Structure formats: C-alpha cells, structure tokens
Amino acid sequence: MALTELHLRFVYVQNVRRSQTDRAVEAGACFPRTALAWTRRRNGARKEFQFGFTDGSWGTLLVPQEREFLTLFPVTLTHKERIP
C-alpha cells in the first residue's frame, strides 16, 4: 500500500521463488483518502486487515509491517467490533 496525504494506492508485489532475483510490482487501484470509511483487523490474524470504503465496497490486505499500519490507521477496529 502506498499512502500519501491525499490518496491511498494499492500496490501488488508478486511472490518470488528463491531462485529468482526480481520481483514484479504492479500499481493497483487508487482512492482518495476521504473514501476510506474504516479499517479492521481480519479474524484476529496478524498482518491481515480489511478496508471499507464510503461506497460500501471493501477488501482485505496483507501488510508487511503491522505496527506501522496501526500507526498510520490508529482507529483500526478489532475483528470482534461491528463494521460502522
């Protein structure tokens, strides 16, 4: 995920095999930060979070650094809390 002051962009990085040295990276969807309605931990799993948008759509993301994610999104819901 790439986060700026105004936008949130998903970035896809393909898993690589040990014998490969390059990683394929592809830019994904980009949204204004104001479109993000909520974030929530997924089923108590570490590093897996759900994003909800103002239009009702949502998605799940595996993040590399849980602590950094929670710093950027401090009001992240637990997996037991209801989605607003």
Protein backbone atom coordinates (compact mmCIF):
# COMPACT_ATOMS: atom_id res chain seq x y z
CA MET A 1 0.00 0.00 0.00
CA ALA A 2 1.24 3.47 -0.84
CA LEU A 3 -0.21 6.21 1.30
CA THR A 4 0.03 9.94 0.65
CA GLU A 5 -1.66 12.86 2.32
CA LEU A 6 -4.49 12.73 -0.23
CA HIS A 7 -4.50 9.21 -1.72
CA LEU A 8 -4.39 5.53 -0.91
CA ARG A 9 -2.97 3.27 -3.65
CA PHE A 10 -2.75 -0.49 -3.57
CA VAL A 11 0.49 -1.94 -4.92
CA TYR A 12 0.74 -5.62 -5.84
CA VAL A 13 4.04 -7.46 -5.37
CA GLN A 14 4.23 -10.98 -6.74
CA ASN A 15 5.73 -13.68 -4.56
CA VAL A 16 9.06 -14.87 -5.91
CA ARG A 17 10.83 -18.17 -5.75
CA ARG A 18 14.20 -18.34 -4.09
CA SER A 19 15.92 -18.86 -7.45
CA GLN A 20 14.52 -15.57 -8.81
CA THR A 21 16.05 -12.20 -8.06
CA ASP A 22 13.47 -9.80 -9.50
CA ARG A 23 10.00 -9.02 -8.22
CA ALA A 24 7.13 -7.92 -10.39
CA VAL A 25 5.37 -4.87 -8.95
CA GLU A 26 2.11 -3.52 -10.30
CA ALA A 27 0.20 -0.41 -9.29
CA GLY A 28 -3.37 -1.15 -8.32
CA ALA A 29 -6.44 0.93 -7.60
CA CYS A 30 -6.07 4.44 -6.24
CA PHE A 31 -8.62 6.13 -3.99
CA PRO A 32 -8.86 9.49 -2.26
CA ARG A 33 -8.20 9.04 1.46
CA THR A 34 -11.60 10.56 2.16
CA ALA A 35 -13.18 7.47 0.53
CA LEU A 36 -11.82 5.25 3.32
CA ALA A 37 -14.58 4.72 5.90
CA TRP A 38 -13.00 2.16 8.25
CA THR A 39 -10.20 -0.35 8.79
CA ARG A 40 -10.49 -3.57 10.75
CA ARG A 41 -8.27 -6.48 11.72
CA ARG A 42 -9.36 -9.64 9.90
CA ASN A 43 -10.35 -12.56 12.20
CA GLY A 44 -7.65 -11.66 14.70
CA ALA A 45 -4.98 -12.59 12.17
CA ARG A 46 -1.71 -10.72 12.31
CA LYS A 47 -0.91 -8.55 9.33
CA GLU A 48 -4.31 -9.05 7.67
CA PHE A 49 -6.60 -6.04 7.61
CA GLN A 50 -9.84 -5.09 5.91
CA PHE A 51 -10.53 -1.71 4.34
CA GLY A 52 -14.05 -0.34 3.96
CA PHE A 53 -14.96 2.48 1.62
CA THR A 54 -17.76 5.02 1.68
CA ASP A 55 -19.46 3.36 -1.32
CA GLY A 56 -19.86 0.12 0.68
CA SER A 57 -17.07 -1.79 -1.05
CA TRP A 58 -14.30 -3.41 0.97
CA GLY A 59 -11.21 -5.54 0.59
CA THR A 60 -8.60 -7.45 2.56
CA LEU A 61 -4.91 -6.63 2.55
CA LEU A 62 -1.85 -8.42 3.89
CA VAL A 63 0.52 -5.74 5.19
CA PRO A 64 4.27 -6.18 5.67
CA GLN A 65 4.50 -4.23 8.95
CA GLU A 66 1.59 -4.50 11.37
CA ARG A 67 2.97 -1.89 13.79
CA GLU A 68 3.46 0.68 11.02
CA PHE A 69 -0.06 0.03 9.69
CA LEU A 70 -1.58 0.61 13.14
CA THR A 71 0.43 3.82 13.49
CA LEU A 72 -1.00 5.10 10.20
CA PHE A 73 -4.53 3.88 10.99
CA PRO A 74 -4.82 4.22 14.80
CA VAL A 75 -8.61 3.75 14.94
CA THR A 76 -8.49 0.30 13.33
CA LEU A 77 -11.27 -1.91 14.66
CA THR A 78 -10.68 -5.33 16.16
CA HIS A 79 -12.14 -8.34 14.37
CA LYS A 80 -14.87 -8.53 17.01
CA GLU A 81 -16.11 -4.95 16.55
CA ARG A 82 -19.02 -4.29 14.23
CA ILE A 83 -18.36 -2.51 10.96
CA PRO A 84 -19.76 1.05 11.17
